[in-house]
Amino acid sequence: MLSLNRIHHTALIVSNYEASKHFYTEILGLTIQQEVYREERQSYKLDLAINGQYCIELFSFPDPPQRPSRPEATGLRHLAFEVDQLDDTITALSAHGVVAEPIRVDEHTGKRFTFIADPDNLPIEFYEK
């Protein structure tokens, strides 16, 4: 049997590097651990962390193809962040012009959650602790 410790990171290819960098750092508040421009690929790689823990890699590539997300397609469904207070999160997002979907309640856990979209329309979930 495999001995997995935890999810190390999620990698995202973005269509507009500067817009996504702004969204994930200035709006969601992730911190930059490292930013590298790879000349041979004409690509940026941005390593991001939550509370000092490495979690997301953002990549830029010239003209990446669109990936269908609605209707839902095979592949990554969404990225989810745990938050202490969902209402506070929605208020903070709203201050940046980010619109959250109506709050839902998980039928199995009773926990509240909502979704937003990142600059590439990737669904991002906020799940109340």
Foldseek 3Di string as FASTA:
>chain_A
DDDDDDDQAEEEEDADVVQQVCCVCVQVNWDWPDWDQDVVQNKIWTFTHDPPGTYYIYMYGPPDDADDPVVHDPDDNAAEDEDADPVVSQVSNVVVVWHWDDWDAPPVPRWIKIWTAGPSGGIYMYTHD
